[in-house]
């Protein structure tokens, strides 16, 4: 009768009060399509407060917000459910992110083993890198995903640079196929000799810019003859 007199909102509200949510959604999807997503989110929040996780998940997914369903499960330490949702609706990146958060709650070697058990070797590798356990990260990359070796070398190089272990960092940058990063590191530290050495061996096209930076350094110290030689 509400619909007959063109009052769909009253019909929707009637079902809302009566907690007949399927009928409520049916009318919203037909008469108030622009409100459908917000209605699903409203119901998801309602079911979350009531502890009805599967119902909340369903409405988050219907609203196009599967990640909120995953966050709901993570908030309540229901990691297997969170991972299931990610595997159903997300991509490799989202799956790995949730798995790594789960591993972090376990901690230590157990976190890595958990990820490997889930078949997420690359996530285990990232977990080890995040925890600066580079030896294990290299082992995982060597045995399971060699295409990730350059990434591990790069992350290790950045770690070594932060530790002021510049010679070791240089070696890792080169192994990562990033000699320019090693050159930039040396140039930033005003170690132009090392920068030129790396450039001559791995990136000759960088020599001119390094000498230009070295010249500026000498100019700042008023060592003009040395600057002149660099420019020449």
Protein backbone atom coordinates (compact mmCIF):
# COMPACT_ATOMS: atom_id res chain seq x y z
CA UNK A 1 0.00 0.00 0.00
CA UNK A 2 2.90 2.36 0.71
CA UNK A 3 4.24 1.69 -2.76
CA UNK A 4 0.82 2.24 -4.27
CA UNK A 5 0.79 5.78 -2.90
CA UNK A 6 4.44 6.26 -3.98
CA UNK A 7 5.94 6.23 -0.49
CA UNK A 8 8.80 3.70 -0.74
CA UNK A 9 10.72 5.37 2.11
CA UNK A 10 7.91 4.59 4.52
CA UNK A 11 7.92 0.96 3.39
CA UNK A 12 11.71 0.77 3.76
CA UNK A 13 11.52 2.26 7.25
CA UNK A 14 8.76 -0.18 8.17
CA UNK A 15 10.97 -3.15 7.34
CA UNK A 16 13.91 -1.50 9.11
CA UNK A 17 11.88 -1.20 12.33
CA UNK A 18 10.69 -4.78 11.96
CA UNK A 19 14.30 -5.93 11.36
CA UNK A 20 13.26 -7.53 8.10
CA UNK A 21 16.48 -6.50 6.44
CA UNK A 22 16.14 -8.66 3.31
CA UNK A 23 12.91 -6.86 2.44
CA UNK A 24 14.51 -3.55 3.35
CA UNK A 25 17.40 -4.20 0.94
CA UNK A 26 14.99 -5.40 -1.75
CA UNK A 27 13.10 -2.11 -1.69
CA UNK A 28 16.21 0.06 -1.44
CA UNK A 29 17.78 -1.68 -4.44
CA UNK A 30 14.61 -1.07 -6.46
CA UNK A 31 13.48 2.38 -5.32
CA UNK A 32 16.55 4.04 -3.74
CA UNK A 33 19.53 2.65 -5.62
CA UNK A 34 21.68 5.62 -4.68
CA UNK A 35 21.33 4.59 -1.01
CA UNK A 36 22.12 0.91 -1.49
CA UNK A 37 25.81 1.06 -0.56
CA UNK A 38 25.16 3.15 2.55
CA UNK A 39 22.37 0.77 3.56
CA UNK A 40 24.69 -2.22 3.30
CA UNK A 41 27.30 -0.37 5.37
CA UNK A 42 24.68 0.52 7.96
CA UNK A 43 23.61 -3.11 8.27
CA UNK A 44 27.22 -4.29 8.38
CA UNK A 45 27.91 -1.94 11.29
CA UNK A 46 24.75 -3.09 13.01
CA UNK A 47 25.64 -6.78 12.71
CA UNK A 48 29.19 -6.08 13.81
CA UNK A 49 27.92 -4.52 17.04
CA UNK A 50 25.70 -7.58 17.57
CA UNK A 51 28.64 -9.93 17.02
CA UNK A 52 27.11 -11.45 13.90
CA UNK A 53 30.36 -11.56 11.94
CA UNK A 54 29.21 -13.52 8.84
CA UNK A 55 26.23 -11.21 8.36
CA UNK A 56 28.45 -8.15 8.77
CA UNK A 57 30.91 -9.63 6.27
CA UNK A 58 28.14 -10.23 3.74
CA UNK A 59 26.99 -6.62 3.85
CA UNK A 60 30.52 -5.20 3.75
CA UNK A 61 31.12 -7.27 0.62
CA UNK A 62 27.78 -6.22 -0.90
CA UNK A 63 28.80 -2.61 -0.27
CA UNK A 64 32.01 -3.19 -2.19
CA UNK A 65 34.09 -2.88 0.99
CA UNK A 66 35.48 -6.38 1.50
CA UNK A 67 38.56 -4.85 3.16
CA UNK A 68 36.34 -3.61 6.00
CA UNK A 69 35.19 -7.20 6.55
CA UNK A 70 38.82 -8.30 6.71
CA UNK A 71 39.57 -5.48 9.18
CA UNK A 72 36.63 -6.60 11.30
CA UNK A 73 38.06 -10.10 11.60
CA UNK A 74 41.59 -8.81 12.23
CA UNK A 75 40.27 -6.54 14.99
CA UNK A 76 38.88 -9.62 16.73
CA UNK A 77 42.02 -11.72 16.09
CA UNK A 78 40.13 -13.97 13.65
CA UNK A 79 43.07 -14.17 11.27
CA UNK A 80 42.01 -17.22 9.29
CA UNK A 81 38.71 -15.55 8.48
CA UNK A 82 40.46 -12.31 7.51
CA UNK A 83 42.77 -14.22 5.19
CA UNK A 84 39.85 -16.14 3.70
CA UNK A 85 38.10 -12.88 2.83
CA UNK A 86 41.28 -11.47 1.29
CA UNK A 87 41.78 -14.60 -0.81
CA UNK A 88 38.16 -14.42 -1.99
CA UNK A 89 38.04 -10.75 -2.95
CA UNK A 90 41.54 -9.24 -2.85
CA UNK A 91 44.73 -9.58 -4.83
CA UNK A 92 48.18 -10.96 -3.97
CA UNK A 93 49.26 -7.66 -2.40
CA UNK A 94 46.26 -7.50 -0.03
CA UNK A 95 46.58 -11.20 0.85
CA UNK A 96 50.26 -10.79 1.68
CA UNK A 97 49.62 -7.68 3.77
CA UNK A 98 47.05 -9.40 5.98
CA UNK A 99 49.20 -12.51 6.26
CA UNK A 100 52.19 -10.45 7.38
CA UNK A 101 50.08 -8.72 10.03
CA UNK A 102 49.01 -12.16 11.28
CA UNK A 103 52.63 -13.31 11.33
CA UNK A 104 53.60 -10.19 13.29
CA UNK A 105 51.20 -11.20 16.07
CA UNK A 106 52.92 -14.59 16.26
CA UNK A 107 56.39 -13.11 16.08
CA UNK A 108 59.82 -14.58 15.57
CA UNK A 109 60.46 -17.73 13.59
CA UNK A 110 56.88 -18.84 14.16
CA UNK A 111 55.58 -15.93 12.09
CA UNK A 112 57.66 -16.97 9.10
CA UNK A 113 56.64 -20.62 9.44
CA UNK A 114 52.99 -19.59 9.57
CA UNK A 115 53.30 -17.72 6.28
CA UNK A 116 55.11 -20.60 4.59
CA UNK A 117 52.42 -23.00 5.84
CA UNK A 118 49.83 -20.74 4.19
CA UNK A 119 51.77 -21.03 0.93
CA UNK A 120 52.80 -17.36 1.10
CA UNK A 121 56.55 -17.64 0.65
CA UNK A 122 56.98 -14.11 -0.70
CA UNK A 123 55.05 -12.75 2.26
CA UNK A 124 57.39 -14.75 4.52
CA UNK A 125 60.32 -13.19 2.70
CA UNK A 126 58.92 -9.68 3.28
CA UNK A 127 58.31 -10.58 6.91
CA UNK A 128 61.96 -11.57 7.35
CA UNK A 129 63.15 -8.39 5.61
CA UNK A 130 60.90 -6.24 7.80
CA UNK A 131 62.47 -7.91 10.83
CA UNK A 132 65.96 -7.36 9.35
CA UNK A 133 66.60 -11.08 9.27
CA UNK A 134 68.32 -10.83 5.91
CA UNK A 135 70.10 -14.17 6.09
CA UNK A 136 66.75 -15.98 6.21
CA UNK A 137 65.30 -13.65 3.56
CA UNK A 138 68.16 -14.55 1.20
CA UNK A 139 67.64 -18.26 1.92
CA UNK A 140 63.93 -18.04 1.11
CA UNK A 141 64.61 -16.10 -2.07
CA UNK A 142 67.33 -18.51 -3.22
CA UNK A 143 65.20 -21.60 -2.63
CA UNK A 144 61.72 -20.41 -3.58
CA UNK A 145 61.57 -17.13 -5.52
CA UNK A 146 64.86 -16.19 -7.11
CA UNK A 147 63.21 -13.31 -8.97
CA UNK A 148 62.98 -11.54 -5.60
CA UNK A 149 66.74 -11.69 -4.94
CA UNK A 150 67.41 -8.20 -6.35
CA UNK A 151 64.72 -6.78 -4.04
CA UNK A 152 66.34 -8.40 -1.00
CA UNK A 153 69.77 -7.13 -2.01
CA UNK A 154 68.33 -3.63 -2.39
CA UNK A 155 66.61 -3.69 1.00
CA UNK A 156 69.78 -5.02 2.59
CA UNK A 157 71.82 -2.26 0.92
CA UNK A 158 69.48 0.41 2.30
CA UNK A 159 69.79 -1.13 5.76
CA UNK A 160 73.58 -1.15 5.52
CA UNK A 161 73.58 2.47 4.35
CA UNK A 162 71.52 3.46 7.39
CA UNK A 163 74.11 1.66 9.51
CA UNK A 164 76.93 3.69 7.82
CA UNK A 165 78.41 0.48 6.43
CA UNK A 166 78.95 2.11 3.07
CA UNK A 167 81.36 -0.34 1.44
CA UNK A 168 79.04 -3.27 2.17
CA UNK A 169 76.04 -1.20 1.05
CA UNK A 170 77.81 -0.46 -2.23
CA UNK A 171 78.32 -4.17 -2.88
CA UNK A 172 74.65 -4.91 -2.19
CA UNK A 173 73.45 -2.05 -4.43
CA UNK A 174 75.56 -3.50 -7.25
CA UNK A 175 74.19 -7.01 -6.63
CA UNK A 176 70.70 -5.54 -6.75
CA UNK A 177 71.47 -4.09 -10.17
CA UNK A 178 71.32 -0.56 -8.75
CA UNK A 179 74.83 0.90 -9.14
CA UNK A 180 73.35 4.39 -9.45
CA UNK A 181 72.07 4.07 -5.88
CA UNK A 182 75.61 3.29 -4.71
CA UNK A 183 76.92 6.29 -6.66
CA UNK A 184 74.31 8.58 -5.12
CA UNK A 185 75.18 7.28 -1.66
CA UNK A 186 78.88 8.02 -2.11
CA UNK A 187 78.19 11.40 -3.70
CA UNK A 188 75.88 12.35 -0.84
CA UNK A 189 78.68 11.46 1.59
CA UNK A 190 81.14 13.48 -0.52
CA UNK A 191 83.14 10.30 -1.16
CA UNK A 192 83.68 11.22 -4.78
CA UNK A 193 86.57 8.80 -5.24
CA UNK A 194 84.29 5.85 -4.48
CA UNK A 195 81.49 7.28 -6.59
CA UNK A 196 83.83 7.63 -9.59
CA UNK A 197 85.19 4.12 -9.06
CA UNK A 198 81.69 2.60 -9.13
CA UNK A 199 80.67 4.70 -12.11
CA UNK A 200 83.73 3.69 -14.15
CA UNK A 201 82.91 0.05 -13.61
CA UNK A 202 79.13 -0.03 -13.76
CA UNK A 203 77.68 3.29 -15.00
CA UNK A 204 80.11 5.34 -17.13
CA UNK A 205 77.30 7.68 -18.16
CA UNK A 206 77.22 8.96 -14.57
CA UNK A 207 80.84 10.16 -14.55
CA UNK A 208 80.11 13.66 -15.84
CA UNK A 209 77.48 14.41 -13.19
CA UNK A 210 79.73 13.06 -10.41
CA UNK A 211 82.62 15.29 -11.49
CA UNK A 212 80.22 18.22 -11.66
CA UNK A 213 79.16 17.59 -8.05
CA UNK A 214 82.79 17.20 -7.00
CA UNK A 215 83.61 20.51 -8.68
CA UNK A 216 80.85 22.25 -6.74
CA UNK A 217 82.26 20.73 -3.54
CA UNK A 218 85.73 22.15 -4.30
CA UNK A 219 84.25 25.55 -5.19
CA UNK A 220 82.48 25.65 -1.81
CA UNK A 221 85.90 25.13 -0.20
CA UNK A 222 87.51 27.68 -2.52
CA UNK A 223 89.79 25.03 -3.98
CA UNK A 224 89.41 26.46 -7.46
CA UNK A 225 92.21 24.61 -9.22
CA UNK A 226 90.76 21.26 -8.17
CA UNK A 227 87.32 22.42 -9.24
CA UNK A 228 88.75 23.52 -12.58
CA UNK A 229 90.26 20.08 -13.15
CA UNK A 230 86.91 18.44 -12.41
CA UNK A 231 85.10 20.70 -14.85
CA UNK A 232 87.68 20.00 -17.53
